Amino acid sequence: FGRYSLLSDYETNVETAIDELASRASTTYYGKYATGLGEDRVIAVFSCRYDITNEDCQDCVASTANNVSRCFSDVEGLIVYEECTLHYSNRSISGIMEDNPQIISYSTGLDEDFRFNQLLDNTVTDLIKDVTSEFAVSSRYFATTTAEYSSSETIYALAQCNPDISSINCRLCLRTIYDDFMSNYTGTNYGQIFTRSCRLSYILSSEELSEPWMFAQTFDERNRYRTPRYSPRYFASSGMISCS
């Protein structure tokens, strides 16, 4: 996709788009904005989790502006947080299902456990059905669920798709990223997969999670590892970058 020059019109348009989307995030959980002409045109889309407040949604989207120019200057980027994602590009990105690139976060804390893997697979399969069923009711592709693994441990899972794709593509996106993840990472008691069109998160926890569930924070606290609230992972054309 190439890079843009700092202090260029493209950089200004990226910042303008983020500012505009942050403003819109005070009243909605999904939005898109385009600005500029020709090679300096920027199209940006944000998506927040539907179980957080509008205030937290706005704070999350606004925080992306603090990291874009500091971390990379790629023409296209995907910024991922627990609470929101922001995708910008100079190509058309609205209404297109994209299950790659996949940004993942995970922990391998289990031995090969057929019973856990089977329970997780059944849980995610039902969750994906719930996500698409919810859209017919609320126009939101979003669902959460739990499944008891033992008397002291519970699987918490969440899935969401952008509302500008079809139900078929939402199911396909979630199923694809889950299957890809499980084919490469086994024994994972915590996993999060993000793409431009959908996200899937789960964790096996011995403690009851308070809502909204924060999967990375729960994992960090369990392992006594602290990260700033808005410490994102990025995908840009040059690869994955972690900033804090």
Protein backbone atom coordinates (compact mmCIF):
# COMPACT_ATOMS: atom_id res chain seq x y z
CA PHE A 1 0.00 0.00 0.00
CA GLY A 2 2.96 2.34 0.46
CA ARG A 3 3.68 5.06 2.97
CA TYR A 4 2.73 8.67 3.30
CA SER A 5 5.03 11.52 4.26
CA LEU A 6 4.72 13.09 7.67
CA LEU A 7 3.16 16.56 7.61
CA SER A 8 1.55 15.64 4.26
CA ASP A 9 -2.05 16.22 3.16
CA TYR A 10 -2.68 12.49 3.64
CA GLU A 11 -1.56 12.63 7.28
CA THR A 12 -3.78 15.67 7.83
CA ASN A 13 -6.72 13.81 6.32
CA VAL A 14 -6.10 10.77 8.54
CA GLU A 15 -6.14 13.02 11.60
CA THR A 16 -9.26 14.82 10.37
CA ALA A 17 -11.04 11.51 9.80
CA ILE A 18 -10.17 10.25 13.29
CA ASP A 19 -11.34 13.50 14.89
CA GLU A 20 -14.64 13.30 13.02
CA LEU A 21 -15.19 9.65 13.90
CA ALA A 22 -14.36 10.29 17.55
CA SER A 23 -17.06 12.96 17.56
CA ARG A 24 -19.58 10.55 16.05
CA ALA A 25 -18.62 7.85 18.55
CA SER A 26 -20.37 9.82 21.28
CA THR A 27 -23.73 8.72 19.85
CA THR A 28 -23.09 5.58 17.80
CA TYR A 29 -20.98 2.42 17.90
CA TYR A 30 -20.10 2.28 14.20
CA GLY A 31 -19.29 4.97 11.69
CA LYS A 32 -17.39 5.84 8.54
CA TYR A 33 -15.98 9.05 7.11
CA ALA A 34 -14.15 10.06 3.95
CA THR A 35 -12.15 13.19 3.23
CA GLY A 36 -9.66 14.44 0.65
CA LEU A 37 -9.24 13.92 -3.08
CA GLY A 38 -7.14 11.73 -5.34
CA GLU A 39 -4.13 10.05 -3.76
CA ASP A 40 -4.72 12.02 -0.55
CA ARG A 41 -8.25 10.66 -0.07
CA VAL A 42 -8.79 8.85 3.24
CA ILE A 43 -11.67 6.52 4.09
CA ALA A 44 -11.91 5.58 7.76
CA VAL A 45 -14.23 3.25 9.67
CA PHE A 46 -14.55 2.68 13.41
CA SER A 47 -16.38 -0.01 15.33
CA CYS A 48 -16.92 -0.16 19.09
CA ARG A 49 -18.10 -3.02 21.23
CA TYR A 50 -21.83 -2.72 21.78
CA ASP A 51 -21.56 -3.51 25.49
CA ILE A 52 -19.52 -0.43 26.43
CA THR A 53 -20.78 3.10 27.06
CA ASN A 54 -20.78 5.78 24.37
CA GLU A 55 -18.31 7.71 26.51
CA ASP A 56 -15.86 4.80 26.52
CA CYS A 57 -16.43 4.31 22.80
CA GLN A 58 -15.57 7.95 22.11
CA ASP A 59 -12.50 7.82 24.36
CA CYS A 60 -11.27 4.69 22.60
CA VAL A 61 -11.67 6.09 19.09
CA ALA A 62 -10.10 9.41 20.09
CA SER A 63 -7.10 7.61 21.58
CA THR A 64 -6.14 6.20 18.19
CA ALA A 65 -5.05 9.69 17.14
CA ASN A 66 -2.31 9.58 19.78
CA ASN A 67 -0.62 6.63 18.12
CA VAL A 68 -1.13 6.75 14.35
CA SER A 69 1.71 9.08 13.35
CA ARG A 70 3.94 7.93 16.22
CA CYS A 71 3.83 4.27 15.27
CA PHE A 72 3.72 4.15 11.50
CA SER A 73 3.02 6.16 8.36
CA ASP A 74 1.44 3.48 6.20
CA VAL A 75 -1.29 4.45 3.77
CA GLU A 76 -3.51 1.74 5.27
CA GLY A 77 -3.74 0.73 8.90
CA LEU A 78 -5.88 -1.18 11.36
CA ILE A 79 -5.71 -0.11 15.01
CA VAL A 80 -7.09 -2.58 17.52
CA TYR A 81 -8.11 -2.11 21.14
CA GLU A 82 -10.29 -4.17 23.47
CA GLU A 83 -13.06 -1.60 23.16
CA CYS A 84 -12.78 -0.50 19.52
CA THR A 85 -11.07 -0.83 16.17
CA LEU A 86 -10.25 1.81 13.60
CA HIS A 87 -9.38 1.10 9.97
CA TYR A 88 -8.26 3.72 7.48
CA SER A 89 -7.18 3.48 3.86
CA ASN A 90 -7.15 5.28 0.53
CA ARG A 91 -9.26 2.53 -1.08
CA SER A 92 -12.92 1.64 -0.73
CA ILE A 93 -13.35 -0.38 2.48
CA SER A 94 -17.04 -0.06 3.32
CA GLY A 95 -19.26 -3.11 2.90
CA ILE A 96 -16.38 -5.44 2.09
CA MET A 97 -15.81 -8.57 4.19
CA GLU A 98 -12.11 -8.95 4.99
CA ASP A 99 -10.96 -11.75 7.28
CA ASN A 100 -7.27 -10.97 6.74
CA PRO A 101 -5.00 -9.68 8.13
CA GLN A 102 -5.70 -11.29 11.49
CA ILE A 103 -4.35 -9.65 14.64
CA ILE A 104 -4.16 -12.18 17.45
CA SER A 105 -3.43 -12.24 21.16
CA TYR A 106 -3.33 -15.54 23.04
CA SER A 107 -1.91 -17.61 25.87
CA THR A 108 -1.06 -21.30 25.87
CA GLY A 109 -1.92 -22.48 29.34
CA LEU A 110 -3.49 -25.87 28.70
CA ASP A 111 -2.15 -29.21 27.61
CA GLU A 112 -3.92 -30.79 24.66
CA ASP A 113 -7.39 -31.13 26.16
CA PHE A 114 -10.01 -32.71 23.92
CA ARG A 115 -12.87 -31.93 26.29
CA PHE A 116 -11.95 -28.24 26.48
CA ASN A 117 -11.44 -27.97 22.73
CA GLN A 118 -14.80 -29.63 22.08
CA LEU A 119 -16.57 -27.38 24.57
CA LEU A 120 -14.94 -24.28 23.11
CA ASP A 121 -15.84 -25.32 19.56
CA ASN A 122 -19.48 -25.93 20.51
CA THR A 123 -19.58 -22.64 22.41
CA VAL A 124 -18.18 -20.65 19.49
CA THR A 125 -20.49 -22.38 17.00
CA ASP A 126 -23.53 -21.39 19.07
CA LEU A 127 -22.09 -17.90 19.60
CA ILE A 128 -21.75 -17.30 15.87
CA LYS A 129 -25.39 -18.29 15.40
CA ASP A 130 -26.37 -15.87 18.17
CA VAL A 131 -24.44 -13.02 16.53
CA THR A 132 -26.30 -13.28 13.24
CA SER A 133 -29.65 -13.88 14.97
CA GLU A 134 -29.16 -10.72 17.03
CA PHE A 135 -28.77 -8.64 13.87
CA ALA A 136 -32.35 -9.47 12.86
CA VAL A 137 -33.54 -8.05 16.18
CA SER A 138 -31.28 -5.04 16.81
CA SER A 139 -29.30 -4.51 13.57
CA ARG A 140 -26.19 -5.35 15.57
CA TYR A 141 -23.90 -8.31 14.96
CA PHE A 142 -22.95 -8.88 18.59
CA ALA A 143 -23.29 -11.61 21.20
CA THR A 144 -21.68 -12.92 24.37
CA THR A 145 -21.96 -16.28 26.05
CA THR A 146 -20.55 -18.46 28.82
CA ALA A 147 -19.97 -22.18 29.19
CA GLU A 148 -19.06 -24.09 32.34
CA TYR A 149 -15.85 -26.06 31.93
CA SER A 150 -15.59 -27.25 35.52
CA SER A 151 -17.06 -26.42 38.91
CA SER A 152 -14.51 -23.62 39.23
CA GLU A 153 -13.80 -22.51 35.63
CA THR A 154 -15.97 -20.88 32.99
CA ILE A 155 -15.42 -19.97 29.35
CA TYR A 156 -16.39 -16.38 28.54
CA ALA A 157 -16.74 -15.58 24.84
CA LEU A 158 -17.67 -12.57 22.70
CA ALA A 159 -18.09 -12.07 18.96
CA GLN A 160 -18.95 -9.10 16.77
CA CYS A 161 -19.08 -8.14 13.09
CA ASN A 162 -19.27 -4.78 11.38
CA PRO A 163 -22.89 -4.00 10.46
CA ASP A 164 -22.08 -3.22 6.80
CA ILE A 165 -21.58 -6.86 5.79
CA SER A 166 -24.20 -9.55 5.18
CA SER A 167 -25.19 -12.22 7.71
CA ILE A 168 -23.57 -14.86 5.52
CA ASN A 169 -20.30 -12.94 5.42
CA CYS A 170 -20.45 -12.30 9.16
CA ARG A 171 -20.74 -16.04 9.83
CA LEU A 172 -17.99 -16.74 7.30
CA CYS A 173 -15.65 -14.16 8.83
CA LEU A 174 -16.07 -15.45 12.39
CA ARG A 175 -15.86 -19.11 11.39
CA THR A 176 -12.76 -18.51 9.29
CA ILE A 177 -10.79 -16.64 11.93
CA TYR A 178 -11.73 -19.18 14.61
CA ASP A 179 -10.77 -22.17 12.47
CA ASP A 180 -7.52 -20.50 11.39
CA PHE A 181 -6.67 -19.74 15.00
CA MET A 182 -7.41 -23.24 16.28
CA SER A 183 -5.42 -24.86 13.49
CA ASN A 184 -2.32 -22.95 14.58
CA TYR A 185 -2.69 -22.56 18.35
CA THR A 186 -3.69 -25.42 20.62
CA GLY A 187 -4.03 -25.44 24.39
CA THR A 188 -5.00 -21.77 24.47
CA ASN A 189 -7.00 -20.71 27.51
CA TYR A 190 -7.16 -17.13 26.23
CA GLY A 191 -7.48 -15.89 22.67
CA GLN A 192 -8.50 -12.79 20.75
CA ILE A 193 -8.66 -12.49 16.97
CA PHE A 194 -9.35 -9.19 15.21
CA THR A 195 -9.85 -8.41 11.53
CA ARG A 196 -11.24 -5.43 9.65
CA SER A 197 -14.70 -7.03 9.56
CA CYS A 198 -15.08 -9.15 12.70
CA ARG A 199 -13.62 -10.07 16.07
CA LEU A 200 -13.74 -13.05 18.42
CA SER A 201 -12.55 -13.19 22.03
CA TYR A 202 -12.59 -15.88 24.71
CA ILE A 203 -10.98 -16.70 28.03
CA LEU A 204 -11.15 -19.55 30.53
CA SER A 205 -11.46 -17.95 33.94
CA SER A 206 -11.75 -19.20 37.50
CA GLU A 207 -13.14 -15.82 38.54
CA GLU A 208 -16.48 -14.30 37.57
CA LEU A 209 -15.89 -11.47 35.11
CA SER A 210 -17.60 -8.14 35.58
CA GLU A 211 -19.27 -6.53 32.57
CA PRO A 212 -18.14 -5.41 30.11
CA TRP A 213 -15.72 -8.33 29.91
CA MET A 214 -12.15 -7.18 29.30
CA PHE A 215 -10.29 -10.24 28.10
CA ALA A 216 -6.74 -8.88 27.87
CA GLN A 217 -7.08 -7.06 31.18
CA THR A 218 -8.32 -10.24 32.87
CA PHE A 219 -5.37 -12.16 31.43
CA ASP A 220 -2.91 -9.44 32.48
CA GLU A 221 -4.24 -9.28 36.03
CA ARG A 222 -4.13 -13.04 36.36
CA ASN A 223 -0.47 -13.00 35.36
CA ARG A 224 0.36 -9.83 37.29
CA TYR A 225 1.23 -8.06 34.09
CA ARG A 226 -0.01 -4.53 33.54
CA THR A 227 -0.49 -2.71 30.27
CA PRO A 228 -1.92 0.78 29.75
CA ARG A 229 -5.65 0.76 29.04
CA TYR A 230 -5.12 1.97 25.50
CA SER A 231 -2.07 -0.04 24.48
CA PRO A 232 -3.04 -1.22 21.00
CA ARG A 233 -1.70 -3.65 18.48
CA TYR A 234 -1.43 -2.42 14.93
CA PHE A 235 -1.46 -3.94 11.51
CA ALA A 236 0.07 -1.94 8.72
CA SER A 237 1.37 -2.96 5.32
CA SER A 238 4.83 -3.35 6.82
CA GLY A 239 3.55 -5.89 9.36
CA MET A 240 2.36 -6.01 12.95
CA ILE A 241 3.66 -3.37 15.34
CA SER A 242 3.05 -3.05 19.06
CA CYS A 243 3.00 0.42 20.62
CA SER A 244 2.36 1.74 24.08
